[in-house]
Structure formats: C-alpha cells, structure tokens
Amino acid sequence: MDRLVVDETGIGGPIVEHLKELGLPVVGVKLTERVKEEVLGRLKLMLEKGEMILPNDPQLLNHLNCIQYERTWMGGFRFSHRAGTHDDLAYALALAVYYPSESFLI
C-alpha cells in the first residue's frame, strides 16, 4: 500500500488522525467546493477520454449519478446530492484518481 487518501471533512478528521496513530501512510483532504470541482472534473475528463472504464457496480454508479451541481455567482460550482442518496463512493473514486501514487508527494 502506497498511501490512503481520506476525506477529512467533518467526521473524517478524527479518522485521519487515528490512521496516522496506527502508523498508516494517510493523506487527509478537506473537500471544499474548490477541491470537489477539481477532483470531480478530473474524474469526468478521464471518463470522457476513455482513460478509465467504470465497473458495472450498481452502488458506485448510483453514487456517481446522484451528484448535482449548480453554478455560483463567483463562477465556481456548488455540489450536492439528492435527498436520500449518497455520494461517498463517487468522492472516494474521484480522490483515488486525482492523487495517483506516482505523482503525489506527502
């Protein structure tokens, strides 16, 4: 294992700290709107270019399909998901492809 990239937003902070205490190579990422825009944009681009093929996993596909966005008055994007849905797997995948092991410096 090269390292773990973990969402440390909200309750993720203590999880990142615990993983560090265990001696695991962990990188915590706060999912601000700007970071979400970057990681989801990279994932979208990879899919459009055919650099990645999604597995036929209904749960992952549901998490990806529930993400909604709207343009902010400052020109960025605000992300959300429909009530009753989850987006955790979508962000896990987006973080994994945004921080590839060979190019990330801790």
PDB file of N, CA and C in Angstrom:
ATOM      1  N   MET A   1       0.846  -1.171   0.000  1.00  0.00           N
ATOM      2  CA  MET A   1       0.000   0.000   0.000  1.00  0.00           C
ATOM      3  C   MET A   1       0.890   1.232   0.000  1.00  0.00           C
ATOM      4  N   ASP A   2       0.654   2.103  -0.973  1.00  0.00           N
ATOM      5  CA  ASP A   2       1.419   3.333  -1.099  1.00  0.00           C
ATOM      6  C   ASP A   2       0.964   4.354  -0.063  1.00  0.00           C
ATOM      7  N   ARG A   3      -0.332   4.631  -0.028  1.00  0.00           N
ATOM      8  CA  ARG A   3      -0.908   5.552   0.946  1.00  0.00           C
ATOM      9  C   ARG A   3      -2.427   5.521   0.841  1.00  0.00           C
ATOM     10  N   LEU A   4      -3.072   6.067   1.854  1.00  0.00           N
ATOM     11  CA  LEU A   4      -4.522   6.187   1.889  1.00  0.00           C
ATOM     12  C   LEU A   4      -4.873   7.653   1.707  1.00  0.00           C
ATOM     13  N   VAL A   5      -5.777   7.955   0.809  1.00  0.00           N
ATOM     14  CA  VAL A   5      -6.272   9.317   0.638  1.00  0.00           C
ATOM     15  C   VAL A   5      -7.685   9.321   1.215  1.00  0.00           C
ATOM     16  N   VAL A   6      -7.881  10.122   2.268  1.00  0.00           N
ATOM     17  CA  VAL A   6      -9.129  10.080   3.023  1.00  0.00           C
ATOM     18  C   VAL A   6      -9.754  11.466   3.092  1.00  0.00           C
ATOM     19  N   ASP A   7     -11.047  11.523   2.902  1.00  0.00           N
ATOM     20  CA  ASP A   7     -11.809  12.756   3.076  1.00  0.00           C
ATOM     21  C   ASP A   7     -11.813  13.083   4.565  1.00  0.00           C
ATOM     22  N   GLU A   8     -11.180  14.200   4.939  1.00  0.00           N
ATOM     23  CA  GLU A   8     -11.142  14.561   6.354  1.00  0.00           C
ATOM     24  C   GLU A   8     -12.143  15.669   6.695  1.00  0.00           C
ATOM     25  N   THR A   9     -13.096  15.911   5.808  1.00  0.00           N
ATOM     26  CA  THR A   9     -14.144  16.882   6.056  1.00  0.00           C
ATOM     27  C   THR A   9     -15.066  16.343   7.142  1.00  0.00           C
ATOM     28  N   GLY A  10     -15.517  17.195   8.037  1.00  0.00           N
ATOM     29  CA  GLY A  10     -16.471  16.775   9.074  1.00  0.00           C
ATOM     30  C   GLY A  10     -15.900  15.709   9.981  1.00  0.00           C
ATOM     31  N   ILE A  11     -16.565  14.563  10.035  1.00  0.00           N
ATOM     32  CA  ILE A  11     -16.127  13.498  10.944  1.00  0.00           C
ATOM     33  C   ILE A  11     -14.890  12.761  10.443  1.00  0.00           C
ATOM     34  N   GLY A  12     -14.405  13.096   9.263  1.00  0.00           N
ATOM     35  CA  GLY A  12     -13.221  12.432   8.719  1.00  0.00           C
ATOM     36  C   GLY A  12     -11.931  12.808   9.415  1.00  0.00           C
ATOM     37  N   GLY A  13     -11.899  13.983  10.064  1.00  0.00           N
ATOM     38  CA  GLY A  13     -10.684  14.435  10.751  1.00  0.00           C
ATOM     39  C   GLY A  13     -10.174  13.439  11.776  1.00  0.00           C
ATOM     40  N   PRO A  14     -11.014  13.007  12.720  1.00  0.00           N
ATOM     41  CA  PRO A  14     -10.559  12.019  13.705  1.00  0.00           C
ATOM     42  C   PRO A  14     -10.150  10.691  13.069  1.00  0.00           C
ATOM     43  N   ILE A  15     -10.783  10.339  11.973  1.00  0.00           N
ATOM     44  CA  ILE A  15     -10.415   9.091  11.288  1.00  0.00           C
ATOM     45  C   ILE A  15      -8.998   9.207  10.731  1.00  0.00           C
ATOM     46  N   VAL A  16      -8.697  10.342  10.116  1.00  0.00           N
ATOM     47  CA  VAL A  16      -7.343  10.566   9.583  1.00  0.00           C
ATOM     48  C   VAL A  16      -6.330  10.522  10.720  1.00  0.00           C
ATOM     49  N   GLU A  17      -6.632  11.182  11.837  1.00  0.00           N
ATOM     50  CA  GLU A  17      -5.713  11.182  12.984  1.00  0.00           C
ATOM     51  C   GLU A  17      -5.494   9.772  13.514  1.00  0.00           C
ATOM     52  N   HIS A  18      -6.553   8.980  13.605  1.00  0.00           N
ATOM     53  CA  HIS A  18      -6.422   7.602  14.095  1.00  0.00           C
ATOM     54  C   HIS A  18      -5.568   6.761  13.142  1.00  0.00           C
ATOM     55  N   LEU A  19      -5.768   6.929  11.844  1.00  0.00           N
ATOM     56  CA  LEU A  19      -4.954   6.194  10.876  1.00  0.00           C
ATOM     57  C   LEU A  19      -3.486   6.570  10.996  1.00  0.00           C
ATOM     58  N   LYS A  20      -3.221   7.852  11.252  1.00  0.00           N
ATOM     59  CA  LYS A  20      -1.833   8.294  11.456  1.00  0.00           C
ATOM     60  C   LYS A  20      -1.255   7.663  12.722  1.00  0.00           C
ATOM     61  N   GLU A  21      -2.063   7.624  13.789  1.00  0.00           N
ATOM     62  CA  GLU A  21      -1.614   6.990  15.038  1.00  0.00           C
ATOM     63  C   GLU A  21      -1.269   5.524  14.827  1.00  0.00           C
ATOM     64  N   LEU A  22      -1.976   4.872  13.934  1.00  0.00           N
ATOM     65  CA  LEU A  22      -1.710   3.471  13.616  1.00  0.00           C
ATOM     66  C   LEU A  22      -0.472   3.302  12.742  1.00  0.00           C
ATOM     67  N   GLY A  23       0.113   4.419  12.328  1.00  0.00           N
ATOM     68  CA  GLY A  23       1.313   4.369  11.505  1.00  0.00           C
ATOM     69  C   GLY A  23       1.050   4.156  10.027  1.00  0.00           C
ATOM     70  N   LEU A  24      -0.176   4.344   9.605  1.00  0.00           N
ATOM     71  CA  LEU A  24      -0.507   4.152   8.194  1.00  0.00           C
ATOM     72  C   LEU A  24      -0.194   5.414   7.393  1.00  0.00           C
ATOM     73  N   PRO A  25       0.231   5.241   6.155  1.00  0.00           N
ATOM     74  CA  PRO A  25       0.532   6.400   5.304  1.00  0.00           C
ATOM     75  C   PRO A  25      -0.758   7.037   4.785  1.00  0.00           C
ATOM     76  N   VAL A  26      -1.255   8.022   5.492  1.00  0.00           N
ATOM     77  CA  VAL A  26      -2.543   8.617   5.163  1.00  0.00           C
ATOM     78  C   VAL A  26      -2.387  10.083   4.786  1.00  0.00           C
ATOM     79  N   VAL A  27      -3.169  10.500   3.827  1.00  0.00           N
ATOM     80  CA  VAL A  27      -3.238  11.900   3.409  1.00  0.00           C
ATOM     81  C   VAL A  27      -4.687  12.330   3.576  1.00  0.00           C
ATOM     82  N   GLY A  28      -4.908  13.349   4.396  1.00  0.00           N
ATOM     83  CA  GLY A  28      -6.254  13.861   4.580  1.00  0.00           C
ATOM     84  C   GLY A  28      -6.535  14.990   3.599  1.00  0.00           C
ATOM     85  N   VAL A  29      -7.716  14.981   3.012  1.00  0.00           N
ATOM     86  CA  VAL A  29      -8.110  16.007   2.052  1.00  0.00           C
ATOM     87  C   VAL A  29      -9.440  16.599   2.511  1.00  0.00           C
ATOM     88  N   LYS A  30      -9.477  17.908   2.693  1.00  0.00           N
ATOM     89  CA  LYS A  30     -10.734  18.580   3.020  1.00  0.00           C
ATOM     90  C   LYS A  30     -11.470  18.859   1.708  1.00  0.00           C
ATOM     91  N   LEU A  31     -12.680  18.354   1.613  1.00  0.00           N
ATOM     92  CA  LEU A  31     -13.448  18.504   0.383  1.00  0.00           C
ATOM     93  C   LEU A  31     -14.193  19.843   0.363  1.00  0.00           C
ATOM     94  N   THR A  32     -13.432  20.893   0.079  1.00  0.00           N
ATOM     95  CA  THR A  32     -14.045  22.201  -0.130  1.00  0.00           C
ATOM     96  C   THR A  32     -14.719  22.194  -1.498  1.00  0.00           C
ATOM     97  N   GLU A  33     -15.513  23.204  -1.777  1.00  0.00           N
ATOM     98  CA  GLU A  33     -16.156  23.269  -3.102  1.00  0.00           C
ATOM     99  C   GLU A  33     -15.105  23.300  -4.212  1.00  0.00           C
ATOM    100  N   ARG A  34     -14.018  24.005  -3.986  1.00  0.00           N
ATOM    101  CA  ARG A  34     -12.950  24.087  -4.992  1.00  0.00           C
ATOM    102  C   ARG A  34     -12.306  22.716  -5.222  1.00  0.00           C
ATOM    103  N   VAL A  35     -12.031  21.999  -4.137  1.00  0.00           N
ATOM    104  CA  VAL A  35     -11.427  20.669  -4.255  1.00  0.00           C
ATOM    105  C   VAL A  35     -12.401  19.712  -4.946  1.00  0.00           C
ATOM    106  N   LYS A  36     -13.676  19.775  -4.570  1.00  0.00           N
ATOM    107  CA  LYS A  36     -14.681  18.929  -5.231  1.00  0.00           C
ATOM    108  C   LYS A  36     -14.699  19.195  -6.734  1.00  0.00           C
ATOM    109  N   GLU A  37     -14.629  20.474  -7.103  1.00  0.00           N
ATOM    110  CA  GLU A  37     -14.626  20.836  -8.521  1.00  0.00           C
ATOM    111  C   GLU A  37     -13.418  20.237  -9.231  1.00  0.00           C
ATOM    112  N   GLU A  38     -12.270  20.290  -8.596  1.00  0.00           N
ATOM    113  CA  GLU A  38     -11.052  19.755  -9.202  1.00  0.00           C
ATOM    114  C   GLU A  38     -11.092  18.235  -9.331  1.00  0.00           C
ATOM    115  N   VAL A  39     -11.449  17.541  -8.237  1.00  0.00           N
ATOM    116  CA  VAL A  39     -11.391  16.075  -8.293  1.00  0.00           C
ATOM    117  C   VAL A  39     -12.499  15.492  -9.168  1.00  0.00           C
ATOM    118  N   LEU A  40     -13.693  16.073  -9.100  1.00  0.00           N
ATOM    119  CA  LEU A  40     -14.775  15.574  -9.961  1.00  0.00           C
ATOM    120  C   LEU A  40     -14.526  15.937 -11.424  1.00  0.00           C
ATOM    121  N   GLY A  41     -13.923  17.095 -11.662  1.00  0.00           N
ATOM    122  CA  GLY A  41     -13.577  17.485 -13.024  1.00  0.00           C
ATOM    123  C   GLY A  41     -12.559  16.539 -13.636  1.00  0.00           C
ATOM    124  N   ARG A  42     -11.574  16.146 -12.837  1.00  0.00           N
ATOM    125  CA  ARG A  42     -10.548  15.204 -13.314  1.00  0.00           C
ATOM    126  C   ARG A  42     -11.182  13.845 -13.629  1.00  0.00           C
ATOM    127  N   LEU A  43     -12.057  13.390 -12.749  1.00  0.00           N
ATOM    128  CA  LEU A  43     -12.742  12.115 -12.975  1.00  0.00           C
ATOM    129  C   LEU A  43     -13.573  12.170 -14.255  1.00  0.00           C
ATOM    130  N   LYS A  44     -14.313  13.239 -14.443  1.00  0.00           N
ATOM    131  CA  LYS A  44     -15.142  13.405 -15.643  1.00  0.00           C
ATOM    132  C   LYS A  44     -14.283  13.390 -16.899  1.00  0.00           C
ATOM    133  N   LEU A  45     -13.174  14.097 -16.859  1.00  0.00           N
ATOM    134  CA  LEU A  45     -12.271  14.154 -18.009  1.00  0.00           C
ATOM    135  C   LEU A  45     -11.697  12.775 -18.333  1.00  0.00           C
ATOM    136  N   MET A  46     -11.304  12.041 -17.303  1.00  0.00           N
ATOM    137  CA  MET A  46     -10.771  10.690 -17.531  1.00  0.00           C
ATOM    138  C   MET A  46     -11.816   9.786 -18.180  1.00  0.00           C
ATOM    139  N   LEU A  47     -13.043   9.897 -17.723  1.00  0.00           N
ATOM    140  CA  LEU A  47     -14.116   9.076 -18.298  1.00  0.00           C
ATOM    141  C   LEU A  47     -14.392   9.474 -19.741  1.00  0.00           C
ATOM    142  N   GLU A  48     -14.424  10.779 -20.009  1.00  0.00           N
ATOM    143  CA  GLU A  48     -14.677  11.254 -21.373  1.00  0.00           C
ATOM    144  C   GLU A  48     -13.581  10.836 -22.342  1.00  0.00           C
ATOM    145  N   LYS A  49     -12.331  10.812 -21.877  1.00  0.00           N
ATOM    146  CA  LYS A  49     -11.202  10.442 -22.734  1.00  0.00           C
ATOM    147  C   LYS A  49     -11.021   8.930 -22.847  1.00  0.00           C
ATOM    148  N   GLY A  50     -11.803   8.178 -22.098  1.00  0.00           N
ATOM    149  CA  GLY A  50     -11.672   6.724 -22.120  1.00  0.00           C
ATOM    150  C   GLY A  50     -10.460   6.227 -21.365  1.00  0.00           C
ATOM    151  N   GLU A  51      -9.914   7.049 -20.471  1.00  0.00           N
ATOM    152  CA  GLU A  51      -8.754   6.657 -19.671  1.00  0.00           C
ATOM    153  C   GLU A  51      -9.154   5.760 -18.507  1.00  0.00           C
ATOM    154  N   MET A  52     -10.448   5.645 -18.317  1.00  0.00           N
ATOM    155  CA  MET A  52     -10.950   4.834 -17.220  1.00  0.00           C
ATOM    156  C   MET A  52     -12.299   4.255 -17.627  1.00  0.00           C
ATOM    157  N   ILE A  53     -12.517   3.026 -17.248  1.00  0.00           N
ATOM    158  CA  ILE A  53     -13.798   2.376 -17.506  1.00  0.00           C
ATOM    159  C   ILE A  53     -14.389   2.005 -16.157  1.00  0.00           C
ATOM    160  N   LEU A  54     -15.607   2.424 -15.927  1.00  0.00           N
ATOM    161  CA  LEU A  54     -16.257   2.134 -14.652  1.00  0.00           C
ATOM    162  C   LEU A  54     -16.695   0.682 -14.595  1.00  0.00           C
ATOM    163  N   PRO A  55     -16.542   0.065 -13.428  1.00  0.00           N
ATOM    164  CA  PRO A  55     -17.060  -1.297 -13.279  1.00  0.00           C
ATOM    165  C   PRO A  55     -18.581  -1.264 -13.236  1.00  0.00           C
ATOM    166  N   ASN A  56     -19.206  -2.367 -13.544  1.00  0.00           N
ATOM    167  CA  ASN A  56     -20.661  -2.454 -13.506  1.00  0.00           C
ATOM    168  C   ASN A  56     -21.095  -2.712 -12.061  1.00  0.00           C
ATOM    169  N   ASP A  57     -20.892  -1.702 -11.216  1.00  0.00           N
ATOM    170  CA  ASP A  57     -21.227  -1.796  -9.799  1.00  0.00           C
ATOM    171  C   ASP A  57     -22.396  -0.853  -9.526  1.00  0.00           C
ATOM    172  N   PRO A  58     -23.584  -1.383  -9.278  1.00  0.00           N
ATOM    173  CA  PRO A  58     -24.762  -0.525  -9.111  1.00  0.00           C
ATOM    174  C   PRO A  58     -24.615   0.528  -8.021  1.00  0.00           C
ATOM    175  N   GLN A  59     -23.975   0.180  -6.924  1.00  0.00           N
ATOM    176  CA  GLN A  59     -23.831   1.141  -5.829  1.00  0.00           C
ATOM    177  C   GLN A  59     -22.927   2.310  -6.241  1.00  0.00           C
ATOM    178  N   LEU A  60     -21.794   2.012  -6.878  1.00  0.00           N
ATOM    179  CA  LEU A  60     -20.903   3.071  -7.354  1.00  0.00           C
ATOM    180  C   LEU A  60     -21.614   3.941  -8.383  1.00  0.00           C
ATOM    181  N   LEU A  61     -22.291   3.322  -9.316  1.00  0.00           N
ATOM    182  CA  LEU A  61     -22.989   4.082 -10.353  1.00  0.00           C
ATOM    183  C   LEU A  61     -24.083   4.962  -9.760  1.00  0.00           C
ATOM    184  N   ASN A  62     -24.797   4.459  -8.750  1.00  0.00           N
ATOM    185  CA  ASN A  62     -25.810   5.275  -8.074  1.00  0.00           C
ATOM    186  C   ASN A  62     -25.180   6.477  -7.383  1.00  0.00           C
ATOM    187  N   HIS A  63     -24.045   6.277  -6.734  1.00  0.00           N
ATOM    188  CA  HIS A  63     -23.363   7.377  -6.051  1.00  0.00           C
ATOM    189  C   HIS A  63     -22.883   8.424  -7.062  1.00  0.00           C
ATOM    190  N   LEU A  64     -22.409   7.971  -8.209  1.00  0.00           N
ATOM    191  CA  LEU A  64     -21.964   8.918  -9.237  1.00  0.00           C
ATOM    192  C   LEU A  64     -23.148   9.671  -9.848  1.00  0.00           C
ATOM    193  N   ASN A  65     -24.235   8.974 -10.085  1.00  0.00           N
ATOM    194  CA  ASN A  65     -25.395   9.578 -10.737  1.00  0.00           C
ATOM    195  C   ASN A  65     -26.182  10.533  -9.857  1.00  0.00           C
ATOM    196  N   CYS A  66     -26.016  10.470  -8.556  1.00  0.00           N
ATOM    197  CA  CYS A  66     -26.810  11.333  -7.680  1.00  0.00           C
ATOM    198  C   CYS A  66     -26.199  12.723  -7.495  1.00  0.00           C
ATOM    199  N   ILE A  67     -24.965  12.915  -7.940  1.00  0.00           N
ATOM    200  CA  ILE A  67     -24.301  14.210  -7.730  1.00  0.00           C
ATOM    201  C   ILE A  67     -24.949  15.271  -8.610  1.00  0.00           C
ATOM    202  N   GLN A  68     -25.272  16.387  -7.959  1.00  0.00           N
ATOM    203  CA  GLN A  68     -25.840  17.537  -8.654  1.00  0.00           C
ATOM    204  C   GLN A  68     -24.896  18.720  -8.454  1.00  0.00           C
ATOM    205  N   TYR A  69     -24.964  19.671  -9.370  1.00  0.00           N
ATOM    206  CA  TYR A  69     -24.145  20.871  -9.208  1.00  0.00           C
ATOM    207  C   TYR A  69     -24.901  22.084  -9.720  1.00  0.00           C
ATOM    208  N   GLU A  70     -24.492  23.226  -9.225  1.00  0.00           N
ATOM    209  CA  GLU A  70     -25.033  24.490  -9.718  1.00  0.00           C
ATOM    210  C   GLU A  70     -23.905  25.505  -9.754  1.00  0.00           C
ATOM    211  N   ARG A  71     -24.008  26.433 -10.669  1.00  0.00           N
ATOM    212  CA  ARG A  71     -23.010  27.490 -10.829  1.00  0.00           C
ATOM    213  C   ARG A  71     -23.202  28.524  -9.722  1.00  0.00           C
ATOM    214  N   THR A  72     -22.108  28.961  -9.108  1.00  0.00           N
ATOM    215  CA  THR A  72     -22.193  30.000  -8.079  1.00  0.00           C
ATOM    216  C   THR A  72     -22.036  31.365  -8.735  1.00  0.00           C
ATOM    217  N   TRP A  73     -22.370  32.404  -7.998  1.00  0.00           N
ATOM    218  CA  TRP A  73     -22.264  33.760  -8.536  1.00  0.00           C
ATOM    219  C   TRP A  73     -20.808  34.147  -8.779  1.00  0.00           C
ATOM    220  N   MET A  74     -19.856  33.435  -8.156  1.00  0.00           N
ATOM    221  CA  MET A  74     -18.431  33.727  -8.361  1.00  0.00           C
ATOM    222  C   MET A  74     -17.837  32.925  -9.522  1.00  0.00           C
ATOM    223  N   GLY A  75     -18.650  32.092 -10.172  1.00  0.00           N
ATOM    224  CA  GLY A  75     -18.168  31.347 -11.328  1.00  0.00           C
ATOM    225  C   GLY A  75     -17.753  29.923 -11.047  1.00  0.00           C
ATOM    226  N   GLY A  76     -17.754  29.516  -9.786  1.00  0.00           N
ATOM    227  CA  GLY A  76     -17.409  28.139  -9.443  1.00  0.00           C
ATOM    228  C   GLY A  76     -18.647  27.260  -9.455  1.00  0.00           C
ATOM    229  N   PHE A  77     -18.541  26.128  -8.816  1.00  0.00           N
ATOM    230  CA  PHE A  77     -19.652  25.197  -8.737  1.00  0.00           C
ATOM    231  C   PHE A  77     -19.921  24.816  -7.286  1.00  0.00           C
ATOM    232  N   ARG A  78     -21.172  24.555  -6.977  1.00  0.00           N
ATOM    233  CA  ARG A  78     -21.584  24.040  -5.676  1.00  0.00           C
ATOM    234  C   ARG A  78     -22.172  22.658  -5.930  1.00  0.00           C
ATOM    235  N   PHE A  79     -21.669  21.689  -5.194  1.00  0.00           N
ATOM    236  CA  PHE A  79     -22.087  20.300  -5.395  1.00  0.00           C
ATOM    237  C   PHE A  79     -22.989  19.831  -4.267  1.00  0.00           C
ATOM    238  N   SER A  80     -23.913  18.966  -4.617  1.00  0.00           N
ATOM    239  CA  SER A  80     -24.814  18.371  -3.634  1.00  0.00           C
ATOM    240  C   SER A  80     -25.272  17.021  -4.180  1.00  0.00           C
ATOM    241  N   HIS A  81     -26.127  16.370  -3.425  1.00  0.00           N
ATOM    242  CA  HIS A  81     -26.735  15.139  -3.933  1.00  0.00           C
ATOM    243  C   HIS A  81     -28.188  15.124  -3.491  1.00  0.00           C
ATOM    244  N   ARG A  82     -28.980  14.413  -4.246  1.00  0.00           N
ATOM    245  CA  ARG A  82     -30.406  14.353  -3.970  1.00  0.00           C
ATOM    246  C   ARG A  82     -30.674  13.760  -2.586  1.00  0.00           C
ATOM    247  N   ALA A  83     -31.729  14.238  -1.955  1.00  0.00           N
ATOM    248  CA  ALA A  83     -32.124  13.717  -0.642  1.00  0.00           C
ATOM    249  C   ALA A  83     -32.324  12.210  -0.709  1.00  0.00           C
ATOM    250  N   GLY A  84     -31.834  11.519   0.292  1.00  0.00           N
ATOM    251  CA  GLY A  84     -31.991  10.067   0.347  1.00  0.00           C
ATOM    252  C   GLY A  84     -30.947   9.297  -0.435  1.00  0.00           C
ATOM    253  N   THR A  85     -29.989  10.013  -1.042  1.00  0.00           N
ATOM    254  CA  THR A  85     -28.930   9.352  -1.797  1.00  0.00           C
ATOM    255  C   THR A  85     -27.588   9.596  -1.109  1.00  0.00           C
ATOM    256  N   HIS A  86     -26.578   8.897  -1.589  1.00  0.00           N
ATOM    257  CA  HIS A  86     -25.227   9.035  -1.032  1.00  0.00           C
ATOM    258  C   HIS A  86     -24.233   9.258  -2.163  1.00  0.00           C
ATOM    259  N   ASP A  87     -23.179  10.015  -1.870  1.00  0.00           N
ATOM    260  CA  ASP A  87     -22.153  10.299  -2.875  1.00  0.00           C
ATOM    261  C   ASP A  87     -20.760   9.873  -2.432  1.00  0.00           C
ATOM    262  N   ASP A  88     -20.662   9.131  -1.339  1.00  0.00           N
ATOM    263  CA  ASP A  88     -19.364   8.776  -0.766  1.00  0.00           C
ATOM    264  C   ASP A  88     -18.459   8.013  -1.735  1.00  0.00           C
ATOM    265  N   LEU A  89     -19.012   7.026  -2.422  1.00  0.00           N
ATOM    266  CA  LEU A  89     -18.191   6.240  -3.346  1.00  0.00           C
ATOM    267  C   LEU A  89     -17.717   7.086  -4.530  1.00  0.00           C
ATOM    268  N   ALA A  90     -18.522   8.035  -4.946  1.00  0.00           N
ATOM    269  CA  ALA A  90     -18.123   8.922  -6.046  1.00  0.00           C
ATOM    270  C   ALA A  90     -16.898   9.738  -5.644  1.00  0.00           C
ATOM    271  N   TYR A  91     -16.919  10.289  -4.435  1.00  0.00           N
ATOM    272  CA  TYR A  91     -15.769  11.077  -3.983  1.00  0.00           C
ATOM    273  C   TYR A  91     -14.556  10.195  -3.701  1.00  0.00           C
ATOM    274  N   ALA A  92     -14.779   8.984  -3.219  1.00  0.00           N
ATOM    275  CA  ALA A  92     -13.656   8.066  -2.999  1.00  0.00           C
ATOM    276  C   ALA A  92     -12.954   7.765  -4.324  1.00  0.00           C
ATOM    277  N   LEU A  93     -13.734   7.495  -5.357  1.00  0.00           N
ATOM    278  CA  LEU A  93     -13.155   7.236  -6.676  1.00  0.00           C
ATOM    279  C   LEU A  93     -12.457   8.484  -7.212  1.00  0.00           C
ATOM    280  N   ALA A  94     -13.101   9.634  -7.073  1.00  0.00           N
ATOM    281  CA  ALA A  94     -12.514  10.886  -7.571  1.00  0.00           C
ATOM    282  C   ALA A  94     -11.192  11.197  -6.863  1.00  0.00           C
ATOM    283  N   LEU A  95     -11.135  10.973  -5.562  1.00  0.00           N
ATOM    284  CA  LEU A  95      -9.880  11.200  -4.825  1.00  0.00           C
ATOM    285  C   LEU A  95      -8.803  10.221  -5.262  1.00  0.00           C
ATOM    286  N   ALA A  96      -9.187   8.969  -5.482  1.00  0.00           N
ATOM    287  CA  ALA A  96      -8.217   7.948  -5.892  1.00  0.00           C
ATOM    288  C   ALA A  96      -7.565   8.283  -7.230  1.00  0.00           C
ATOM    289  N   VAL A  97      -8.343   8.787  -8.178  1.00  0.00           N
ATOM    290  CA  VAL A  97      -7.754   9.093  -9.489  1.00  0.00           C
ATOM    291  C   VAL A  97      -7.095  10.464  -9.513  1.00  0.00           C
ATOM    292  N   TYR A  98      -7.453  11.338  -8.579  1.00  0.00           N
ATOM    293  CA  TYR A  98      -6.846  12.663  -8.544  1.00  0.00           C
ATOM    294  C   TYR A  98      -5.467  12.621  -7.898  1.00  0.00           C
ATOM    295  N   TYR A  99      -5.254  11.710  -6.975  1.00  0.00           N
ATOM    296  CA  TYR A  99      -3.983  11.588  -6.272  1.00  0.00           C
ATOM    297  C   TYR A  99      -3.314  10.266  -6.611  1.00  0.00           C
ATOM    298  N   PRO A 100      -2.864  10.079  -7.871  1.00  0.00           N
ATOM    299  CA  PRO A 100      -2.223   8.813  -8.232  1.00  0.00           C
ATOM    300  C   PRO A 100      -0.895   8.658  -7.487  1.00  0.00           C
ATOM    301  N   SER A 101      -0.550   7.444  -7.143  1.00  0.00           N
ATOM    302  CA  SER A 101       0.601   7.190  -6.269  1.00  0.00           C
ATOM    303  C   SER A 101       1.916   7.714  -6.805  1.00  0.00           C
ATOM    304  N   GLU A 102       2.146   7.622  -8.109  1.00  0.00           N
ATOM    305  CA  GLU A 102       3.462   8.005  -8.618  1.00  0.00           C
ATOM    306  C   GLU A 102       3.702   9.505  -8.676  1.00  0.00           C
ATOM    307  N   SER A 103       2.657  10.325  -8.591  1.00  0.00           N
ATOM    308  CA  SER A 103       2.865  11.764  -8.731  1.00  0.00           C
ATOM    309  C   SER A 103       2.571  12.544  -7.456  1.00  0.00           C
ATOM    310  N   PHE A 104       2.194  11.879  -6.389  1.00  0.00           N
ATOM    311  CA  PHE A 104       1.802  12.590  -5.173  1.00  0.00           C
ATOM    312  C   PHE A 104       2.968  12.635  -4.202  1.00  0.00           C
ATOM    313  N   LEU A 105       3.220  13.806  -3.691  1.00  0.00           N
ATOM    314  CA  LEU A 105       4.287  13.970  -2.695  1.00  0.00           C
ATOM    315  C   LEU A 105       3.655  14.270  -1.341  1.00  0.00           C
ATOM    316  N   ILE A 106       4.022  13.502  -0.348  1.00  0.00           N
ATOM    317  CA  ILE A 106       3.485  13.723   1.007  1.00  0.00           C
ATOM    318  C   ILE A 106       4.359  14.738   1.715  1.00  0.00           C
TER     319      ILE A 106
END
